[in-house]
C-alpha atoms as a PDB file:
ATOM      1  CA  MET A   1      93.632  62.866  -3.281  1.00  0.00           C
ATOM      2  CA  VAL A   2      92.075  60.411  -5.127  1.00  0.00           C
ATOM      3  CA  ASP A   3      88.518  59.414  -3.917  1.00  0.00           C
ATOM      4  CA  LYS A   4      87.479  56.663  -6.496  1.00  0.00           C
ATOM      5  CA  GLU A   5      89.369  53.560  -7.568  1.00  0.00           C
ATOM      6  CA  VAL A   6      91.256  53.843 -11.234  1.00  0.00           C
ATOM      7  CA  PRO A   7      92.268  50.988 -13.265  1.00  0.00           C
ATOM      8  CA  LEU A   8      95.680  50.026 -14.117  1.00  0.00           C
ATOM      9  CA  ILE A   9      96.707  48.757 -17.397  1.00  0.00           C
ATOM     10  CA  ARG A  10      99.386  47.351 -18.694  1.00  0.00           C
ATOM     11  CA  ALA A  11     100.816  47.895 -21.639  1.00  0.00           C
ATOM     12  CA  LYS A  12     101.369  45.607 -24.565  1.00  0.00           C
ATOM     13  CA  LYS A  13     102.090  46.006 -27.835  1.00  0.00           C
ATOM     14  CA  THR A  14      99.687  45.882 -30.875  1.00  0.00           C
ATOM     15  CA  PRO A  15     100.907  42.651 -33.430  1.00  0.00           C
ATOM     16  CA  GLN A  16     101.939  43.120 -36.742  1.00  0.00           C
ATOM     17  CA  LYS A  17      98.697  41.518 -37.702  1.00  0.00           C
ATOM     18  CA  ASP A  18      96.460  43.348 -35.857  1.00  0.00           C
ATOM     19  CA  VAL A  19      97.933  46.993 -37.556  1.00  0.00           C
ATOM     20  CA  ILE A  20      95.340  48.697 -39.166  1.00  0.00           C
ATOM     21  CA  LEU A  21      96.609  51.284 -41.972  1.00  0.00           C
ATOM     22  CA  ASP A  22      95.953  54.941 -42.422  1.00  0.00           C
ATOM     23  CA  SER A  23      93.356  55.872 -44.757  1.00  0.00           C
ATOM     24  CA  GLY A  24      94.964  59.504 -44.363  1.00  0.00           C
ATOM     25  CA  GLY A  25      98.605  58.175 -45.838  1.00  0.00           C
ATOM     26  CA  PHE A  26     101.963  56.814 -44.787  1.00  0.00           C
ATOM     27  CA  PHE A  27     105.859  58.395 -44.216  1.00  0.00           C
ATOM     28  CA  VAL A  28     108.848  57.698 -45.170  1.00  0.00           C
ATOM     29  CA  ILE A  29     111.796  59.003 -42.887  1.00  0.00           C
ATOM     30  CA  GLU A  30     115.320  59.131 -43.469  1.00  0.00           C
ATOM     31  CA  ILE A  31     118.226  61.140 -42.496  1.00  0.00           C
ATOM     32  CA  ILE A  32     119.657  62.967 -45.340  1.00  0.00           C
ATOM     33  CA  ASP A  33     122.416  65.799 -44.975  1.00  0.00           C
ATOM     34  CA  LYS A  34     122.565  65.848 -41.191  1.00  0.00           C
ATOM     35  CA  GLU A  35     118.865  66.412 -40.913  1.00  0.00           C
ATOM     36  CA  ILE A  36     116.294  64.167 -40.786  1.00  0.00           C
ATOM     37  CA  ARG A  37     113.747  64.388 -43.648  1.00  0.00           C
ATOM     38  CA  VAL A  38     110.135  63.122 -43.752  1.00  0.00           C
ATOM     39  CA  GLU A  39     107.937  62.456 -46.628  1.00  0.00           C
ATOM     40  CA  TYR A  40     104.536  62.271 -46.509  1.00  0.00           C
ATOM     41  CA  TYR A  41     102.350  60.622 -48.915  1.00  0.00           C
ATOM     42  CA  SER A  42      98.686  60.120 -49.524  1.00  0.00           C
ATOM     43  CA  ASN A  43      97.501  56.324 -50.425  1.00  0.00           C
ATOM     44  CA  VAL A  44      96.570  55.359 -54.161  1.00  0.00           C
ATOM     45  CA  TYR A  45      94.296  52.715 -54.164  1.00  0.00           C
ATOM     46  CA  LYS A  46      93.197  50.051 -56.287  1.00  0.00           C
ATOM     47  CA  ASN A  47      90.121  47.716 -56.217  1.00  0.00           C
ATOM     48  CA  LYS A  48      89.934  49.037 -52.302  1.00  0.00           C
ATOM     49  CA  LYS A  49      93.021  47.988 -51.609  1.00  0.00           C
ATOM     50  CA  ILE A  50      95.921  50.619 -50.944  1.00  0.00           C
ATOM     51  CA  VAL A  51      99.010  49.968 -53.813  1.00  0.00           C
ATOM     52  CA  SER A  52     101.268  52.643 -53.994  1.00  0.00           C
ATOM     53  CA  GLY A  53     101.468  56.414 -52.525  1.00  0.00           C
ATOM     54  CA  ARG A  54     101.615  60.175 -53.775  1.00  0.00           C
ATOM     55  CA  LEU A  55     104.126  62.071 -52.460  1.00  0.00           C
ATOM     56  CA  GLU A  56     102.407  64.947 -50.964  1.00  0.00           C
ATOM     57  CA  LYS A  57     104.633  67.164 -48.687  1.00  0.00           C
ATOM     58  CA  VAL A  58     108.447  66.821 -47.600  1.00  0.00           C
ATOM     59  CA  PHE A  59     109.652  67.727 -44.293  1.00  0.00           C
ATOM     60  CA  SER A  60     112.919  68.769 -42.585  1.00  0.00           C
ATOM     61  CA  GLY A  61     114.343  69.218 -39.497  1.00  0.00           C
ATOM     62  CA  ILE A  62     117.252  68.238 -36.296  1.00  0.00           C
ATOM     63  CA  LYS A  63     114.586  67.946 -34.115  1.00  0.00           C
ATOM     64  CA  ALA A  64     111.566  65.185 -33.232  1.00  0.00           C
ATOM     65  CA  ASP A  65     109.295  67.387 -31.059  1.00  0.00           C
ATOM     66  CA  ALA A  66     109.601  70.204 -34.056  1.00  0.00           C
ATOM     67  CA  LEU A  67     109.034  67.653 -36.827  1.00  0.00           C
ATOM     68  CA  SER A  68     106.057  66.192 -34.896  1.00  0.00           C
ATOM     69  CA  ASP A  69     104.503  69.636 -34.146  1.00  0.00           C
ATOM     70  CA  THR A  70     105.055  70.460 -37.454  1.00  0.00           C
ATOM     71  CA  ILE A  71     103.490  67.204 -38.959  1.00  0.00           C
ATOM     72  CA  ALA A  72     100.595  67.468 -36.860  1.00  0.00           C
ATOM     73  CA  LYS A  73      99.697  71.060 -37.985  1.00  0.00           C
ATOM     74  CA  ASN A  74     100.037  69.925 -41.746  1.00  0.00           C
ATOM     75  CA  VAL A  75      98.586  66.923 -41.501  1.00  0.00           C
ATOM     76  CA  PRO A  76      95.728  66.530 -39.521  1.00  0.00           C
ATOM     77  CA  GLN A  77      93.926  63.523 -40.807  1.00  0.00           C
ATOM     78  CA  LEU A  78      95.947  60.730 -39.176  1.00  0.00           C
ATOM     79  CA  ARG A  79      94.917  57.963 -36.789  1.00  0.00           C
ATOM     80  CA  THR A  80      96.050  58.730 -33.018  1.00  0.00           C
ATOM     81  CA  GLU A  81      98.053  55.498 -33.410  1.00  0.00           C
ATOM     82  CA  HIS A  82      99.801  56.645 -36.584  1.00  0.00           C
ATOM     83  CA  TYR A  83     101.304  60.351 -35.014  1.00  0.00           C
ATOM     84  CA  LEU A  84     102.216  58.119 -31.893  1.00  0.00           C
ATOM     85  CA  TYR A  85     104.339  55.681 -33.913  1.00  0.00           C
ATOM     86  CA  LEU A  86     105.692  58.941 -35.547  1.00  0.00           C
ATOM     87  CA  GLY A  87     107.070  60.319 -32.442  1.00  0.00           C
ATOM     88  CA  ARG A  88     108.795  57.357 -31.531  1.00  0.00           C
ATOM     89  CA  GLU A  89     110.463  57.035 -34.549  1.00  0.00           C
ATOM     90  CA  LEU A  90     111.236  60.806 -34.540  1.00  0.00           C
ATOM     91  CA  GLN A  91     113.124  60.075 -31.838  1.00  0.00           C
ATOM     92  CA  LYS A  92     114.831  57.475 -32.979  1.00  0.00           C
ATOM     93  CA  ALA A  93     115.801  59.141 -35.857  1.00  0.00           C
ATOM     94  CA  GLN A  94     117.041  61.972 -33.519  1.00  0.00           C
ATOM     95  CA  TYR A  95     119.000  59.689 -31.568  1.00  0.00           C
ATOM     96  CA  SER A  96     120.876  58.573 -34.336  1.00  0.00           C
ATOM     97  CA  LEU A  97     121.738  61.915 -35.985  1.00  0.00           C
ATOM     98  CA  GLU A  98     123.108  62.919 -32.413  1.00  0.00           C
ATOM     99  CA  ASN A  99     125.028  60.272 -31.984  1.00  0.00           C
ATOM    100  CA  ASN A 100     126.431  59.688 -35.890  1.00  0.00           C
ATOM    101  CA  LYS A 101     124.330  56.216 -35.663  1.00  0.00           C
ATOM    102  CA  LYS A 102     122.553  54.673 -38.795  1.00  0.00           C
ATOM    103  CA  TYR A 103     118.818  55.063 -38.359  1.00  0.00           C
ATOM    104  CA  SER A 104     116.343  52.462 -40.204  1.00  0.00           C
ATOM    105  CA  GLN A 105     113.150  53.200 -39.889  1.00  0.00           C
ATOM    106  CA  GLY A 106     110.836  50.418 -37.959  1.00  0.00           C
ATOM    107  CA  GLY A 107     107.515  49.132 -39.093  1.00  0.00           C
ATOM    108  CA  CYS A 108     104.636  50.082 -36.919  1.00  0.00           C
END
């Protein structure tokens, strides 16, 4: 039983121009040899701008939930939005893998 009014918040996508890059790094997701492969890169800065990345870890698996859990345990310093993005992308990759479709990583 609800004893107070709670707000209803309508969902809306964050425009690409408003996305904040994660100082914790970035990921490249691919399907290779019938597995989802996720490369984690730490950011490389020049003049306080991200210019590149340094490969730090590689994850592989076939299930989005297992990959998500493993990445969260092994790369704990990310923005919340980044974990949510990873979850969406890993689900897309798993669907592509299971349905023999081409996967292409989308933007934030």
